[in-house]
């Protein structure tokens, strides 16, 4: 159950970032590229973390809310959110070349 809630939060976050990038840059291409980057980052992080988490997790701790992949998914979501925060919402990213173009006035 917790796995499903975490995946829904990731889907909502990816959708928000895609729309936000589309509105900020004014092109649908920027939103699609942001979504593709976030999906790729999530899959790569999960592929690296899941086997390690399965080794660490105790098998007897499985319940209705917590499955065998919950720890891996939880760590993946935290790392993914840190990546999103650093890549999309840092002050360096806000001053990108598209927002600082000189006027040809």
PDB file of N, CA and C in Angstrom:
ATOM      1  N   UNK A   1       0.811  -1.188   0.000  1.00  0.00           N
ATOM      2  CA  UNK A   1       0.000   0.000   0.000  1.00  0.00           C
ATOM      3  C   UNK A   1       0.859   1.259   0.000  1.00  0.00           C
ATOM      4  N   UNK A   2       1.908   1.247   0.805  1.00  0.00           N
ATOM      5  CA  UNK A   2       2.814   2.387   0.846  1.00  0.00           C
ATOM      6  C   UNK A   2       3.534   2.551  -0.488  1.00  0.00           C
ATOM      7  N   UNK A   3       3.815   1.421  -1.142  1.00  0.00           N
ATOM      8  CA  UNK A   3       4.461   1.477  -2.454  1.00  0.00           C
ATOM      9  C   UNK A   3       3.607   2.233  -3.467  1.00  0.00           C
ATOM     10  N   UNK A   4       2.322   1.960  -3.448  1.00  0.00           N
ATOM     11  CA  UNK A   4       1.402   2.614  -4.379  1.00  0.00           C
ATOM     12  C   UNK A   4       1.338   4.114  -4.108  1.00  0.00           C
ATOM     13  N   UNK A   5       1.276   4.496  -2.836  1.00  0.00           N
ATOM     14  CA  UNK A   5       1.241   5.919  -2.488  1.00  0.00           C
ATOM     15  C   UNK A   5       2.528   6.623  -2.909  1.00  0.00           C
ATOM     16  N   UNK A   6       3.653   5.969  -2.725  1.00  0.00           N
ATOM     17  CA  UNK A   6       4.930   6.562  -3.154  1.00  0.00           C
ATOM     18  C   UNK A   6       4.988   6.718  -4.666  1.00  0.00           C
ATOM     19  N   UNK A   7       4.530   5.712  -5.395  1.00  0.00           N
ATOM     20  CA  UNK A   7       4.540   5.808  -6.859  1.00  0.00           C
ATOM     21  C   UNK A   7       3.579   6.891  -7.351  1.00  0.00           C
ATOM     22  N   UNK A   8       2.416   7.025  -6.715  1.00  0.00           N
ATOM     23  CA  UNK A   8       1.505   8.114  -7.087  1.00  0.00           C
ATOM     24  C   UNK A   8       2.125   9.480  -6.831  1.00  0.00           C
ATOM     25  N   UNK A   9       2.847   9.611  -5.727  1.00  0.00           N
ATOM     26  CA  UNK A   9       3.499  10.894  -5.447  1.00  0.00           C
ATOM     27  C   UNK A   9       4.587  11.188  -6.481  1.00  0.00           C
ATOM     28  N   UNK A  10       5.286  10.164  -6.936  1.00  0.00           N
ATOM     29  CA  UNK A  10       6.304  10.366  -7.977  1.00  0.00           C
ATOM     30  C   UNK A  10       5.646  10.773  -9.290  1.00  0.00           C
ATOM     31  N   UNK A  11       4.545  10.135  -9.646  1.00  0.00           N
ATOM     32  CA  UNK A  11       3.842  10.476 -10.882  1.00  0.00           C
ATOM     33  C   UNK A  11       3.328  11.913 -10.833  1.00  0.00           C
ATOM     34  N   UNK A  12       2.759  12.314  -9.699  1.00  0.00           N
ATOM     35  CA  UNK A  12       2.277  13.694  -9.562  1.00  0.00           C
ATOM     36  C   UNK A  12       3.428  14.696  -9.618  1.00  0.00           C
ATOM     37  N   UNK A  13       4.545  14.363  -9.001  1.00  0.00           N
ATOM     38  CA  UNK A  13       5.701  15.249  -9.021  1.00  0.00           C
ATOM     39  C   UNK A  13       6.246  15.403 -10.434  1.00  0.00           C
ATOM     40  N   UNK A  14       6.355  14.305 -11.160  1.00  0.00           N
ATOM     41  CA  UNK A  14       6.844  14.361 -12.541  1.00  0.00           C
ATOM     42  C   UNK A  14       5.890  15.173 -13.412  1.00  0.00           C
ATOM     43  N   UNK A  15       4.594  14.990 -13.225  1.00  0.00           N
ATOM     44  CA  UNK A  15       3.618  15.767 -13.995  1.00  0.00           C
ATOM     45  C   UNK A  15       3.725  17.253 -13.686  1.00  0.00           C
ATOM     46  N   UNK A  16       3.872  17.589 -12.402  1.00  0.00           N
ATOM     47  CA  UNK A  16       4.003  18.996 -12.010  1.00  0.00           C
ATOM     48  C   UNK A  16       5.245  19.625 -12.622  1.00  0.00           C
ATOM     49  N   UNK A  17       6.370  18.929 -12.559  1.00  0.00           N
ATOM     50  CA  UNK A  17       7.619  19.469 -13.111  1.00  0.00           C
ATOM     51  C   UNK A  17       7.499  19.636 -14.622  1.00  0.00           C
ATOM     52  N   UNK A  18       6.876  18.690 -15.297  1.00  0.00           N
ATOM     53  CA  UNK A  18       6.705  18.807 -16.746  1.00  0.00           C
ATOM     54  C   UNK A  18       5.874  20.018 -17.129  1.00  0.00           C
ATOM     55  N   UNK A  19       4.763  20.225 -16.434  1.00  0.00           N
ATOM     56  CA  UNK A  19       3.909  21.389 -16.717  1.00  0.00           C
ATOM     57  C   UNK A  19       4.621  22.682 -16.346  1.00  0.00           C
ATOM     58  N   UNK A  20       5.336  22.666 -15.228  1.00  0.00           N
ATOM     59  CA  UNK A  20       6.053  23.862 -14.786  1.00  0.00           C
ATOM     60  C   UNK A  20       7.140  24.263 -15.786  1.00  0.00           C
ATOM     61  N   UNK A  21       7.866  23.291 -16.305  1.00  0.00           N
ATOM     62  CA  UNK A  21       8.902  23.583 -17.300  1.00  0.00           C
ATOM     63  C   UNK A  21       8.273  24.049 -18.613  1.00  0.00           C
ATOM     64  N   UNK A  22       7.153  23.472 -18.979  1.00  0.00           N
ATOM     65  CA  UNK A  22       6.451  23.882 -20.196  1.00  0.00           C
ATOM     66  C   UNK A  22       6.006  25.336 -20.069  1.00  0.00           C
ATOM     67  N   UNK A  23       5.450  25.712 -18.914  1.00  0.00           N
ATOM     68  CA  UNK A  23       4.988  27.079 -18.727  1.00  0.00           C
ATOM     69  C   UNK A  23       6.151  28.059 -18.596  1.00  0.00           C
ATOM     70  N   UNK A  24       7.226  27.642 -17.951  1.00  0.00           N
ATOM     71  CA  UNK A  24       8.366  28.536 -17.754  1.00  0.00           C
ATOM     72  C   UNK A  24       9.065  28.858 -19.070  1.00  0.00           C
ATOM     73  N   UNK A  25       9.265  27.846 -19.916  1.00  0.00           N
ATOM     74  CA  UNK A  25      10.009  28.044 -21.154  1.00  0.00           C
ATOM     75  C   UNK A  25       9.121  28.290 -22.366  1.00  0.00           C
ATOM     76  N   UNK A  26       7.850  28.015 -22.240  1.00  0.00           N
ATOM     77  CA  UNK A  26       6.911  28.313 -23.315  1.00  0.00           C
ATOM     78  C   UNK A  26       6.881  27.321 -24.457  1.00  0.00           C
ATOM     79  N   UNK A  27       7.587  26.205 -24.334  1.00  0.00           N
ATOM     80  CA  UNK A  27       7.543  25.191 -25.384  1.00  0.00           C
ATOM     81  C   UNK A  27       7.191  23.838 -24.772  1.00  0.00           C
ATOM     82  N   UNK A  28       6.438  23.076 -25.530  1.00  0.00           N
ATOM     83  CA  UNK A  28       6.055  21.752 -25.087  1.00  0.00           C
ATOM     84  C   UNK A  28       7.274  20.824 -25.029  1.00  0.00           C
ATOM     85  N   UNK A  29       8.260  21.113 -25.854  1.00  0.00           N
ATOM     86  CA  UNK A  29       9.484  20.311 -25.885  1.00  0.00           C
ATOM     87  C   UNK A  29      10.198  20.319 -24.529  1.00  0.00           C
ATOM     88  N   UNK A  30      10.256  21.460 -23.870  1.00  0.00           N
ATOM     89  CA  UNK A  30      10.909  21.553 -22.565  1.00  0.00           C
ATOM     90  C   UNK A  30      10.194  20.703 -21.526  1.00  0.00           C
ATOM     91  N   UNK A  31       8.874  20.716 -21.552  1.00  0.00           N
ATOM     92  CA  UNK A  31       8.116  19.887 -20.621  1.00  0.00           C
ATOM     93  C   UNK A  31       8.322  18.406 -20.880  1.00  0.00           C
ATOM     94  N   UNK A  32       8.326  18.018 -22.149  1.00  0.00           N
ATOM     95  CA  UNK A  32       8.533  16.612 -22.502  1.00  0.00           C
ATOM     96  C   UNK A  32       9.939  16.155 -22.130  1.00  0.00           C
ATOM     97  N   UNK A  33      10.928  17.014 -22.337  1.00  0.00           N
ATOM     98  CA  UNK A  33      12.295  16.667 -21.961  1.00  0.00           C
ATOM     99  C   UNK A  33      12.443  16.534 -20.447  1.00  0.00           C
ATOM    100  N   UNK A  34      11.776  17.389 -19.698  1.00  0.00           N
ATOM    101  CA  UNK A  34      11.824  17.297 -18.239  1.00  0.00           C
ATOM    102  C   UNK A  34      11.188  15.998 -17.757  1.00  0.00           C
ATOM    103  N   UNK A  35      10.058  15.643 -18.342  1.00  0.00           N
ATOM    104  CA  UNK A  35       9.391  14.394 -17.972  1.00  0.00           C
ATOM    105  C   UNK A  35      10.261  13.195 -18.320  1.00  0.00           C
ATOM    106  N   UNK A  36      10.852  13.194 -19.502  1.00  0.00           N
ATOM    107  CA  UNK A  36      11.712  12.087 -19.904  1.00  0.00           C
ATOM    108  C   UNK A  36      12.929  11.968 -18.985  1.00  0.00           C
ATOM    109  N   UNK A  37      13.534  13.104 -18.637  1.00  0.00           N
ATOM    110  CA  UNK A  37      14.689  13.087 -17.745  1.00  0.00           C
ATOM    111  C   UNK A  37      14.326  12.541 -16.373  1.00  0.00           C
ATOM    112  N   UNK A  38      13.186  12.955 -15.840  1.00  0.00           N
ATOM    113  CA  UNK A  38      12.784  12.501 -14.515  1.00  0.00           C
ATOM    114  C   UNK A  38      12.421  11.016 -14.498  1.00  0.00           C
ATOM    115  N   UNK A  39      11.776  10.540 -15.537  1.00  0.00           N
ATOM    116  CA  UNK A  39      11.460   9.111 -15.612  1.00  0.00           C
ATOM    117  C   UNK A  39      12.741   8.293 -15.721  1.00  0.00           C
ATOM    118  N   UNK A  40      13.660   8.734 -16.557  1.00  0.00           N
ATOM    119  CA  UNK A  40      14.929   8.032 -16.700  1.00  0.00           C
ATOM    120  C   UNK A  40      15.711   8.021 -15.392  1.00  0.00           C
ATOM    121  N   UNK A  41      15.756   9.165 -14.706  1.00  0.00           N
ATOM    122  CA  UNK A  41      16.472   9.241 -13.425  1.00  0.00           C
ATOM    123  C   UNK A  41      15.829   8.317 -12.396  1.00  0.00           C
ATOM    124  N   UNK A  42      14.501   8.283 -12.339  1.00  0.00           N
ATOM    125  CA  UNK A  42      13.814   7.428 -11.380  1.00  0.00           C
ATOM    126  C   UNK A  42      14.102   5.958 -11.638  1.00  0.00           C
ATOM    127  N   UNK A  43      14.047   5.554 -12.891  1.00  0.00           N
ATOM    128  CA  UNK A  43      14.286   4.149 -13.230  1.00  0.00           C
ATOM    129  C   UNK A  43      15.722   3.746 -12.908  1.00  0.00           C
ATOM    130  N   UNK A  44      16.674   4.605 -13.220  1.00  0.00           N
ATOM    131  CA  UNK A  44      18.077   4.287 -12.943  1.00  0.00           C
ATOM    132  C   UNK A  44      18.333   4.207 -11.438  1.00  0.00           C
ATOM    133  N   UNK A  45      17.810   5.169 -10.689  1.00  0.00           N
ATOM    134  CA  UNK A  45      18.007   5.159  -9.237  1.00  0.00           C
ATOM    135  C   UNK A  45      17.366   3.915  -8.623  1.00  0.00           C
ATOM    136  N   UNK A  46      16.157   3.584  -9.064  1.00  0.00           N
ATOM    137  CA  UNK A  46      15.469   2.414  -8.515  1.00  0.00           C
ATOM    138  C   UNK A  46      16.213   1.127  -8.862  1.00  0.00           C
ATOM    139  N   UNK A  47      16.755   1.041 -10.077  1.00  0.00           N
ATOM    140  CA  UNK A  47      17.500  -0.148 -10.479  1.00  0.00           C
ATOM    141  C   UNK A  47      18.779  -0.320  -9.655  1.00  0.00           C
ATOM    142  N   UNK A  48      19.361   0.780  -9.218  1.00  0.00           N
ATOM    143  CA  UNK A  48      20.571   0.690  -8.401  1.00  0.00           C
ATOM    144  C   UNK A  48      20.259   0.418  -6.929  1.00  0.00           C
ATOM    145  N   UNK A  49      19.191   0.980  -6.408  1.00  0.00           N
ATOM    146  CA  UNK A  49      18.876   0.889  -4.987  1.00  0.00           C
ATOM    147  C   UNK A  49      18.121  -0.390  -4.627  1.00  0.00           C
ATOM    148  N   UNK A  50      17.234  -0.868  -5.482  1.00  0.00           N
ATOM    149  CA  UNK A  50      16.357  -1.998  -5.142  1.00  0.00           C
ATOM    150  C   UNK A  50      17.116  -3.262  -4.737  1.00  0.00           C
ATOM    151  N   UNK A  51      18.140  -3.701  -5.456  1.00  0.00           N
ATOM    152  CA  UNK A  51      18.841  -4.918  -5.008  1.00  0.00           C
ATOM    153  C   UNK A  51      19.527  -4.756  -3.652  1.00  0.00           C
ATOM    154  N   UNK A  52      20.063  -3.572  -3.397  1.00  0.00           N
ATOM    155  CA  UNK A  52      20.715  -3.328  -2.113  1.00  0.00           C
ATOM    156  C   UNK A  52      19.684  -3.349  -0.991  1.00  0.00           C
ATOM    157  N   UNK A  53      18.537  -2.758  -1.233  1.00  0.00           N
ATOM    158  CA  UNK A  53      17.485  -2.723  -0.214  1.00  0.00           C
ATOM    159  C   UNK A  53      16.920  -4.118   0.049  1.00  0.00           C
ATOM    160  N   UNK A  54      16.823  -4.955  -0.970  1.00  0.00           N
ATOM    161  CA  UNK A  54      16.323  -6.321  -0.768  1.00  0.00           C
ATOM    162  C   UNK A  54      17.277  -7.137   0.095  1.00  0.00           C
ATOM    163  N   UNK A  55      18.563  -6.876  -0.040  1.00  0.00           N
ATOM    164  CA  UNK A  55      19.542  -7.587   0.788  1.00  0.00           C
ATOM    165  C   UNK A  55      19.423  -7.142   2.247  1.00  0.00           C
ATOM    166  N   UNK A  56      19.207  -5.855   2.459  1.00  0.00           N
ATOM    167  CA  UNK A  56      19.156  -5.300   3.812  1.00  0.00           C
ATOM    168  C   UNK A  56      17.837  -5.621   4.517  1.00  0.00           C
ATOM    169  N   UNK A  57      16.720  -5.654   3.776  1.00  0.00           N
ATOM    170  CA  UNK A  57      15.390  -5.806   4.364  1.00  0.00           C
ATOM    171  C   UNK A  57      15.198  -7.201   4.946  1.00  0.00           C
ATOM    172  N   UNK A  58      14.578  -7.248   6.117  1.00  0.00           N
ATOM    173  CA  UNK A  58      14.238  -8.519   6.759  1.00  0.00           C
ATOM    174  C   UNK A  58      12.943  -9.033   6.138  1.00  0.00           C
ATOM    175  N   UNK A  59      12.918 -10.274   5.718  1.00  0.00           N
ATOM    176  CA  UNK A  59      11.769 -10.835   5.006  1.00  0.00           C
ATOM    177  C   UNK A  59      10.543 -10.918   5.909  1.00  0.00           C
ATOM    178  N   UNK A  60      10.702 -11.147   7.179  1.00  0.00           N
ATOM    179  CA  UNK A  60       9.561 -11.322   8.067  1.00  0.00           C
ATOM    180  C   UNK A  60       8.831 -10.016   8.369  1.00  0.00           C
ATOM    181  N   UNK A  61       9.346  -8.887   7.910  1.00  0.00           N
ATOM    182  CA  UNK A  61       8.698  -7.602   8.212  1.00  0.00           C
ATOM    183  C   UNK A  61       7.640  -7.216   7.190  1.00  0.00           C
ATOM    184  N   UNK A  62       7.221  -8.141   6.352  1.00  0.00           N
ATOM    185  CA  UNK A  62       6.226  -7.837   5.331  1.00  0.00           C
ATOM    186  C   UNK A  62       4.828  -7.809   5.946  1.00  0.00           C
ATOM    187  N   UNK A  63       4.100  -6.716   5.678  1.00  0.00           N
ATOM    188  CA  UNK A  63       2.718  -6.575   6.129  1.00  0.00           C
ATOM    189  C   UNK A  63       1.879  -6.089   4.960  1.00  0.00           C
ATOM    190  N   UNK A  64       0.646  -5.711   5.242  1.00  0.00           N
ATOM    191  CA  UNK A  64      -0.235  -5.207   4.194  1.00  0.00           C
ATOM    192  C   UNK A  64       0.287  -3.876   3.658  1.00  0.00           C
ATOM    193  N   UNK A  65       0.817  -3.039   4.537  1.00  0.00           N
ATOM    194  CA  UNK A  65       1.257  -1.709   4.139  1.00  0.00           C
ATOM    195  C   UNK A  65       2.703  -1.679   3.653  1.00  0.00           C
ATOM    196  N   UNK A  66       3.516  -2.584   4.151  1.00  0.00           N
ATOM    197  CA  UNK A  66       4.936  -2.579   3.809  1.00  0.00           C
ATOM    198  C   UNK A  66       5.278  -3.905   3.144  1.00  0.00           C
ATOM    199  N   UNK A  67       5.688  -3.831   1.874  1.00  0.00           N
ATOM    200  CA  UNK A  67       6.081  -5.006   1.129  1.00  0.00           C
ATOM    201  C   UNK A  67       7.586  -5.158   1.087  1.00  0.00           C
ATOM    202  N   UNK A  68       8.071  -6.131   0.332  1.00  0.00           N
ATOM    203  CA  UNK A  68       9.519  -6.356   0.286  1.00  0.00           C
ATOM    204  C   UNK A  68      10.298  -5.255  -0.439  1.00  0.00           C
ATOM    205  N   UNK A  69       9.653  -4.502  -1.281  1.00  0.00           N
ATOM    206  CA  UNK A  69      10.350  -3.454  -2.027  1.00  0.00           C
ATOM    207  C   UNK A  69      10.114  -2.052  -1.458  1.00  0.00           C
ATOM    208  N   UNK A  70       9.472  -1.956  -0.319  1.00  0.00           N
ATOM    209  CA  UNK A  70       9.133  -0.649   0.233  1.00  0.00           C
ATOM    210  C   UNK A  70      10.364   0.163   0.602  1.00  0.00           C
ATOM    211  N   UNK A  71      11.348  -0.461   1.226  1.00  0.00           N
ATOM    212  CA  UNK A  71      12.554   0.266   1.615  1.00  0.00           C
ATOM    213  C   UNK A  71      13.286   0.791   0.382  1.00  0.00           C
ATOM    214  N   UNK A  72      13.417  -0.030  -0.643  1.00  0.00           N
ATOM    215  CA  UNK A  72      14.076   0.410  -1.873  1.00  0.00           C
ATOM    216  C   UNK A  72      13.343   1.551  -2.546  1.00  0.00           C
ATOM    217  N   UNK A  73      12.030   1.461  -2.565  1.00  0.00           N
ATOM    218  CA  UNK A  73      11.239   2.518  -3.180  1.00  0.00           C
ATOM    219  C   UNK A  73      11.286   3.796  -2.352  1.00  0.00           C
ATOM    220  N   UNK A  74      11.273   3.670  -1.046  1.00  0.00           N
ATOM    221  CA  UNK A  74      11.350   4.842  -0.185  1.00  0.00           C
ATOM    222  C   UNK A  74      12.680   5.577  -0.355  1.00  0.00           C
ATOM    223  N   UNK A  75      13.765   4.841  -0.374  1.00  0.00           N
ATOM    224  CA  UNK A  75      15.084   5.459  -0.587  1.00  0.00           C
ATOM    225  C   UNK A  75      15.168   6.062  -1.989  1.00  0.00           C
ATOM    226  N   UNK A  76      14.613   5.367  -2.968  1.00  0.00           N
ATOM    227  CA  UNK A  76      14.606   5.878  -4.338  1.00  0.00           C
ATOM    228  C   UNK A  76      13.843   7.186  -4.440  1.00  0.00           C
ATOM    229  N   UNK A  77      12.687   7.266  -3.813  1.00  0.00           N
ATOM    230  CA  UNK A  77      11.874   8.484  -3.862  1.00  0.00           C
ATOM    231  C   UNK A  77      12.602   9.639  -3.186  1.00  0.00           C
ATOM    232  N   UNK A  78      13.256   9.386  -2.074  1.00  0.00           N
ATOM    233  CA  UNK A  78      13.995  10.445  -1.391  1.00  0.00           C
ATOM    234  C   UNK A  78      15.139  10.960  -2.266  1.00  0.00           C
ATOM    235  N   UNK A  79      15.894  10.056  -2.844  1.00  0.00           N
ATOM    236  CA  UNK A  79      16.999  10.466  -3.728  1.00  0.00           C
ATOM    237  C   UNK A  79      16.461  11.189  -4.960  1.00  0.00           C
ATOM    238  N   UNK A  80      15.350  10.727  -5.497  1.00  0.00           N
ATOM    239  CA  UNK A  80      14.744  11.347  -6.675  1.00  0.00           C
ATOM    240  C   UNK A  80      14.282  12.766  -6.355  1.00  0.00           C
ATOM    241  N   UNK A  81      13.671  12.964  -5.196  1.00  0.00           N
ATOM    242  CA  UNK A  81      13.229  14.301  -4.804  1.00  0.00           C
ATOM    243  C   UNK A  81      14.415  15.231  -4.573  1.00  0.00           C
ATOM    244  N   UNK A  82      15.507  14.700  -4.030  1.00  0.00           N
ATOM    245  CA  UNK A  82      16.724  15.516  -3.872  1.00  0.00           C
ATOM    246  C   UNK A  82      17.252  15.924  -5.240  1.00  0.00           C
ATOM    247  N   UNK A  83      17.250  14.993  -6.197  1.00  0.00           N
ATOM    248  CA  UNK A  83      17.682  15.309  -7.557  1.00  0.00           C
ATOM    249  C   UNK A  83      16.799  16.392  -8.177  1.00  0.00           C
ATOM    250  N   UNK A  84      15.491  16.264  -7.994  1.00  0.00           N
ATOM    251  CA  UNK A  84      14.564  17.261  -8.540  1.00  0.00           C
ATOM    252  C   UNK A  84      14.834  18.623  -7.915  1.00  0.00           C
ATOM    253  N   UNK A  85      15.009  18.642  -6.617  1.00  0.00           N
ATOM    254  CA  UNK A  85      15.256  19.905  -5.906  1.00  0.00           C
ATOM    255  C   UNK A  85      16.541  20.576  -6.394  1.00  0.00           C
ATOM    256  N   UNK A  86      17.590  19.788  -6.567  1.00  0.00           N
ATOM    257  CA  UNK A  86      18.868  20.352  -6.989  1.00  0.00           C
ATOM    258  C   UNK A  86      18.872  20.745  -8.467  1.00  0.00           C
ATOM    259  N   UNK A  87      18.239  19.944  -9.301  1.00  0.00           N
ATOM    260  CA  UNK A  87      18.301  20.203 -10.739  1.00  0.00           C
ATOM    261  C   UNK A  87      17.300  21.251 -11.205  1.00  0.00           C
ATOM    262  N   UNK A  88      16.077  21.188 -10.720  1.00  0.00           N
ATOM    263  CA  UNK A  88      15.039  22.074 -11.243  1.00  0.00           C
ATOM    264  C   UNK A  88      14.781  23.312 -10.392  1.00  0.00           C
ATOM    265  N   UNK A  89      15.053  23.259  -9.104  1.00  0.00           N
ATOM    266  CA  UNK A  89      14.687  24.370  -8.244  1.00  0.00           C
ATOM    267  C   UNK A  89      15.869  25.059  -7.573  1.00  0.00           C
ATOM    268  N   UNK A  90      17.076  24.822  -8.031  1.00  0.00           N
ATOM    269  CA  UNK A  90      18.213  25.530  -7.449  1.00  0.00           C
ATOM    270  C   UNK A  90      18.309  26.923  -8.057  1.00  0.00           C
ATOM    271  N   UNK A  91      19.009  27.816  -7.389  1.00  0.00           N
ATOM    272  CA  UNK A  91      19.129  29.189  -7.881  1.00  0.00           C
ATOM    273  C   UNK A  91      19.947  29.242  -9.166  1.00  0.00           C
ATOM    274  N   UNK A  92      20.878  28.320  -9.351  1.00  0.00           N
ATOM    275  CA  UNK A  92      21.665  28.273 -10.594  1.00  0.00           C
ATOM    276  C   UNK A  92      20.777  27.955 -11.789  1.00  0.00           C
ATOM    277  N   UNK A  93      19.837  27.055 -11.623  1.00  0.00           N
ATOM    278  CA  UNK A  93      18.938  26.657 -12.707  1.00  0.00           C
ATOM    279  C   UNK A  93      17.974  27.785 -13.068  1.00  0.00           C
ATOM    280  N   UNK A  94      17.578  28.590 -12.114  1.00  0.00           N
ATOM    281  CA  UNK A  94      16.631  29.677 -12.377  1.00  0.00           C
ATOM    282  C   UNK A  94      17.224  30.751 -13.285  1.00  0.00           C
ATOM    283  N   UNK A  95      18.523  30.907 -13.275  1.00  0.00           N
ATOM    284  CA  UNK A  95      19.162  31.912 -14.122  1.00  0.00           C
ATOM    285  C   UNK A  95      19.734  31.243 -15.364  1.00  0.00           C
ATOM    286  N   UNK A  96      18.903  30.471 -16.045  1.00  0.00           N
ATOM    287  CA  UNK A  96      19.357  29.790 -17.249  1.00  0.00           C
ATOM    288  C   UNK A  96      19.439  30.774 -18.405  1.00  0.00           C
ATOM    289  N   UNK A  97      20.001  30.316 -19.506  1.00  0.00           N
ATOM    290  CA  UNK A  97      20.223  31.205 -20.650  1.00  0.00           C
ATOM    291  C   UNK A  97      18.919  31.668 -21.290  1.00  0.00           C
ATOM    292  N   UNK A  98      17.828  30.932 -21.124  1.00  0.00           N
ATOM    293  CA  UNK A  98      16.572  31.346 -21.754  1.00  0.00           C
ATOM    294  C   UNK A  98      15.947  32.541 -21.043  1.00  0.00           C
ATOM    295  N   UNK A  99      16.204  32.684 -19.740  1.00  0.00           N
ATOM    296  CA  UNK A  99      15.608  33.782 -19.013  1.00  0.00           C
ATOM    297  C   UNK A  99      16.473  35.032 -19.007  1.00  0.00           C
ATOM    298  N   UNK A 100      17.698  34.942 -19.469  1.00  0.00           N
ATOM    299  CA  UNK A 100      18.601  36.086 -19.435  1.00  0.00           C
ATOM    300  C   UNK A 100      19.042  36.533 -20.830  1.00  0.00           C
ATOM    301  N   UNK A 101      18.194  36.289 -21.825  1.00  0.00           N
ATOM    302  CA  UNK A 101      18.527  36.726 -23.166  1.00  0.00           C
ATOM    303  C   UNK A 101      18.445  38.246 -23.272  1.00  0.00           C
ATOM    304  N   UNK A 102      19.391  38.875 -23.958  1.00  0.00           N
ATOM    305  CA  UNK A 102      19.327  40.330 -24.088  1.00  0.00           C
ATOM    306  C   UNK A 102      18.206  40.738 -25.027  1.00  0.00           C
ATOM    307  N   UNK A 103      17.653  41.877 -24.754  1.00  0.00           N
ATOM    308  CA  UNK A 103      16.567  42.390 -25.621  1.00  0.00           C
ATOM    309  C   UNK A 103      17.178  43.023 -26.860  1.00  0.00           C
ATOM    310  N   UNK A 104      16.491  42.885 -27.962  1.00  0.00           N
ATOM    311  CA  UNK A 104      16.947  43.444 -29.241  1.00  0.00           C
ATOM    312  C   UNK A 104      16.198  44.734 -29.548  1.00  0.00           C
ATOM    313  N   UNK A 105      15.959  45.500 -28.528  1.00  0.00           N
ATOM    314  CA  UNK A 105      15.125  46.638 -28.581  1.00  0.00           C
ATOM    315  C   UNK A 105      15.504  47.809 -29.306  1.00  0.00           C
TER     316      UNK A 105
END
